[in-house]
Amino acid sequence: MSDAEHPVPPAGEDIHLPAGSMKPFLCGLGITLTVIGSTIFTPYLFVFGLIIFLTTTYKWIQDVRHDVAALPEEHGPQH
């Protein structure tokens, strides 16, 4: 069969991709500093890494909630 027999319908909606973000990298960095600080170095490095991890995780979750809220109604949470 050729494409002329079965034309492709036009796209019904745009594909949504989240914007680029440093939050996943910073979250991983915070976890790394927390583990290194707790096993090898000082407690200060542990606390610093934990603060980075918790802050970026909180901000990342906020971004995801905002993205989900911005989706069209038919893409929202199913109840």
N, C-alpha and C. Protein backbone atom coordinates (compact mmCIF):
# COMPACT_ATOMS: atom_id res chain seq x y z
N MET A 1 0.84 -1.18 0.00
CA MET A 1 0.00 0.00 0.00
C MET A 1 0.88 1.24 0.00
N SER A 2 0.42 2.24 -0.63
CA SER A 2 1.18 3.48 -0.69
C SER A 2 0.57 4.50 0.26
N ASP A 3 1.32 5.58 0.46
CA ASP A 3 0.83 6.65 1.35
C ASP A 3 -0.37 7.37 0.75
N ALA A 4 -0.50 7.31 -0.58
CA ALA A 4 -1.63 7.99 -1.23
C ALA A 4 -2.95 7.32 -0.88
N GLU A 5 -2.93 6.01 -0.65
CA GLU A 5 -4.15 5.28 -0.30
C GLU A 5 -4.57 5.54 1.14
N HIS A 6 -3.61 5.74 2.03
CA HIS A 6 -3.89 5.97 3.45
C HIS A 6 -3.14 7.22 3.91
N PRO A 7 -3.70 8.40 3.65
CA PRO A 7 -3.00 9.62 4.07
C PRO A 7 -2.93 9.72 5.59
N VAL A 8 -1.88 10.32 6.06
CA VAL A 8 -1.67 10.48 7.50
C VAL A 8 -2.52 11.67 7.96
N PRO A 9 -3.34 11.47 9.01
CA PRO A 9 -4.15 12.59 9.50
C PRO A 9 -3.26 13.64 10.15
N PRO A 10 -3.72 14.88 10.18
CA PRO A 10 -2.91 15.92 10.83
C PRO A 10 -2.82 15.66 12.34
N ALA A 11 -1.77 16.18 12.92
CA ALA A 11 -1.57 16.02 14.36
C ALA A 11 -2.70 16.71 15.12
N GLY A 12 -3.17 16.05 16.18
CA GLY A 12 -4.28 16.60 16.94
C GLY A 12 -3.87 17.55 18.04
N GLU A 13 -2.64 17.42 18.50
CA GLU A 13 -2.19 18.28 19.59
C GLU A 13 -0.68 18.36 19.57
N ASP A 14 -0.15 19.37 20.23
CA ASP A 14 1.30 19.52 20.33
C ASP A 14 1.83 18.57 21.40
N ILE A 15 3.06 18.19 21.24
CA ILE A 15 3.72 17.37 22.24
C ILE A 15 4.31 18.30 23.29
N HIS A 16 4.02 18.02 24.55
CA HIS A 16 4.53 18.85 25.64
C HIS A 16 5.77 18.19 26.22
N LEU A 17 6.86 18.93 26.23
CA LEU A 17 8.08 18.49 26.89
C LEU A 17 8.44 19.52 27.95
N PRO A 18 8.87 19.07 29.11
CA PRO A 18 9.27 20.04 30.13
C PRO A 18 10.52 20.79 29.69
N ALA A 19 10.67 21.98 30.20
CA ALA A 19 11.84 22.79 29.89
C ALA A 19 13.09 22.18 30.51
N GLY A 20 14.23 22.53 29.96
CA GLY A 20 15.49 22.05 30.53
C GLY A 20 15.67 22.56 31.95
N SER A 21 16.35 21.79 32.75
CA SER A 21 16.49 22.16 34.15
C SER A 21 17.79 21.59 34.72
N MET A 22 18.36 22.32 35.64
CA MET A 22 19.54 21.86 36.37
C MET A 22 19.15 21.10 37.63
N LYS A 23 17.86 21.05 37.94
CA LYS A 23 17.43 20.42 39.20
C LYS A 23 17.83 18.94 39.31
N PRO A 24 17.69 18.12 38.27
CA PRO A 24 18.14 16.73 38.41
C PRO A 24 19.64 16.62 38.71
N PHE A 25 20.44 17.46 38.05
CA PHE A 25 21.88 17.45 38.31
C PHE A 25 22.18 17.87 39.75
N LEU A 26 21.55 18.97 40.19
CA LEU A 26 21.79 19.46 41.54
C LEU A 26 21.28 18.48 42.60
N CYS A 27 20.19 17.80 42.30
CA CYS A 27 19.67 16.79 43.22
C CYS A 27 20.70 15.65 43.38
N GLY A 28 21.24 15.20 42.26
CA GLY A 28 22.28 14.16 42.31
C GLY A 28 23.53 14.63 43.02
N LEU A 29 23.91 15.89 42.79
CA LEU A 29 25.06 16.45 43.48
C LEU A 29 24.82 16.49 44.99
N GLY A 30 23.61 16.89 45.39
CA GLY A 30 23.28 16.92 46.82
C GLY A 30 23.36 15.54 47.46
N ILE A 31 22.84 14.52 46.74
CA ILE A 31 22.92 13.15 47.26
C ILE A 31 24.38 12.72 47.39
N THR A 32 25.18 13.03 46.37
CA THR A 32 26.60 12.65 46.40
C THR A 32 27.32 13.31 47.57
N LEU A 33 27.10 14.60 47.76
CA LEU A 33 27.76 15.30 48.87
C LEU A 33 27.29 14.77 50.22
N THR A 34 26.02 14.39 50.31
CA THR A 34 25.50 13.83 51.56
C THR A 34 26.18 12.50 51.88
N VAL A 35 26.30 11.65 50.89
CA VAL A 35 26.93 10.34 51.12
C VAL A 35 28.40 10.50 51.44
N ILE A 36 29.10 11.33 50.67
CA ILE A 36 30.53 11.53 50.92
C ILE A 36 30.74 12.19 52.28
N GLY A 37 29.90 13.17 52.60
CA GLY A 37 30.04 13.85 53.89
C GLY A 37 29.78 12.94 55.07
N SER A 38 28.87 11.99 54.90
CA SER A 38 28.56 11.11 56.02
C SER A 38 29.57 9.98 56.19
N THR A 39 30.28 9.63 55.12
CA THR A 39 31.19 8.47 55.22
C THR A 39 32.66 8.86 55.30
N ILE A 40 33.05 9.96 54.67
CA ILE A 40 34.48 10.24 54.56
C ILE A 40 34.86 11.54 55.25
N PHE A 41 34.14 12.61 54.96
CA PHE A 41 34.56 13.93 55.39
C PHE A 41 33.81 14.41 56.62
N THR A 42 33.55 15.68 56.69
CA THR A 42 32.98 16.30 57.88
C THR A 42 31.46 16.30 57.86
N PRO A 43 30.85 16.47 59.01
CA PRO A 43 29.38 16.59 59.06
C PRO A 43 28.87 17.83 58.33
N TYR A 44 29.73 18.85 58.17
CA TYR A 44 29.31 20.06 57.46
C TYR A 44 28.98 19.75 56.00
N LEU A 45 29.78 18.89 55.39
CA LEU A 45 29.53 18.49 54.00
C LEU A 45 28.24 17.69 53.91
N PHE A 46 27.99 16.86 54.90
CA PHE A 46 26.74 16.09 54.95
C PHE A 46 25.53 17.03 55.00
N VAL A 47 25.57 18.01 55.89
CA VAL A 47 24.46 18.95 56.05
C VAL A 47 24.30 19.79 54.78
N PHE A 48 25.40 20.26 54.20
CA PHE A 48 25.35 21.05 52.98
C PHE A 48 24.72 20.24 51.84
N GLY A 49 25.14 18.99 51.67
CA GLY A 49 24.57 18.13 50.64
C GLY A 49 23.11 17.84 50.89
N LEU A 50 22.74 17.65 52.13
CA LEU A 50 21.34 17.37 52.48
C LEU A 50 20.46 18.58 52.18
N ILE A 51 20.96 19.77 52.45
CA ILE A 51 20.20 20.99 52.15
C ILE A 51 20.01 21.13 50.63
N ILE A 52 21.07 20.89 49.86
CA ILE A 52 20.96 20.96 48.40
C ILE A 52 19.95 19.93 47.90
N PHE A 53 20.05 18.70 48.40
CA PHE A 53 19.15 17.63 47.97
C PHE A 53 17.69 17.95 48.29
N LEU A 54 17.41 18.34 49.51
CA LEU A 54 16.02 18.60 49.91
C LEU A 54 15.44 19.82 49.18
N THR A 55 16.25 20.86 49.02
CA THR A 55 15.77 22.07 48.34
C THR A 55 15.46 21.78 46.87
N THR A 56 16.39 21.14 46.17
CA THR A 56 16.15 20.87 44.74
C THR A 56 15.02 19.86 44.54
N THR A 57 14.88 18.90 45.43
CA THR A 57 13.78 17.95 45.31
C THR A 57 12.44 18.66 45.48
N TYR A 58 12.34 19.55 46.46
CA TYR A 58 11.12 20.31 46.69
C TYR A 58 10.79 21.17 45.47
N LYS A 59 11.78 21.89 44.93
CA LYS A 59 11.57 22.74 43.77
C LYS A 59 11.20 21.92 42.54
N TRP A 60 11.80 20.75 42.38
CA TRP A 60 11.53 19.87 41.25
C TRP A 60 10.07 19.38 41.30
N ILE A 61 9.61 19.01 42.48
CA ILE A 61 8.23 18.57 42.65
C ILE A 61 7.27 19.71 42.34
N GLN A 62 7.61 20.93 42.77
CA GLN A 62 6.77 22.09 42.45
C GLN A 62 6.67 22.29 40.93
N ASP A 63 7.80 22.15 40.22
CA ASP A 63 7.79 22.31 38.77
C ASP A 63 6.89 21.27 38.09
N VAL A 64 6.97 20.02 38.56
CA VAL A 64 6.15 18.96 37.98
C VAL A 64 4.68 19.22 38.24
N ARG A 65 4.34 19.64 39.44
CA ARG A 65 2.94 19.96 39.75
C ARG A 65 2.42 21.10 38.87
N HIS A 66 3.27 22.10 38.64
CA HIS A 66 2.89 23.21 37.78
C HIS A 66 2.68 22.73 36.34
N ASP A 67 3.57 21.86 35.85
CA ASP A 67 3.42 21.32 34.49
C ASP A 67 2.16 20.49 34.35
N VAL A 68 1.85 19.68 35.34
CA VAL A 68 0.64 18.85 35.28
C VAL A 68 -0.60 19.72 35.32
N ALA A 69 -0.59 20.78 36.11
CA ALA A 69 -1.74 21.68 36.19
C ALA A 69 -1.96 22.43 34.88
N ALA A 70 -0.90 22.64 34.11
CA ALA A 70 -1.01 23.38 32.85
C ALA A 70 -1.48 22.51 31.68
N LEU A 71 -1.56 21.20 31.88
CA LEU A 71 -2.00 20.31 30.80
C LEU A 71 -3.49 20.51 30.52
N PRO A 72 -3.93 20.20 29.30
CA PRO A 72 -5.37 20.26 29.02
C PRO A 72 -6.14 19.31 29.94
N GLU A 73 -7.43 19.58 30.10
CA GLU A 73 -8.26 18.83 31.05
C GLU A 73 -8.24 17.33 30.83
N GLU A 74 -8.23 16.87 29.57
CA GLU A 74 -8.27 15.43 29.30
C GLU A 74 -6.95 14.73 29.64
N HIS A 75 -5.87 15.50 29.92
CA HIS A 75 -4.61 14.92 30.30
C HIS A 75 -4.35 14.99 31.80
N GLY A 76 -5.27 15.52 32.52
CA GLY A 76 -5.10 15.69 33.96
C GLY A 76 -5.26 14.37 34.70
N PRO A 77 -5.18 14.41 36.01
CA PRO A 77 -5.34 13.19 36.82
C PRO A 77 -6.72 12.57 36.60
N GLN A 78 -6.73 11.29 36.50
CA GLN A 78 -7.99 10.56 36.31
C GLN A 78 -8.56 10.18 37.68
N HIS A 79 -9.82 10.53 37.90
CA HIS A 79 -10.47 10.23 39.20
C HIS A 79 -11.49 9.16 39.01
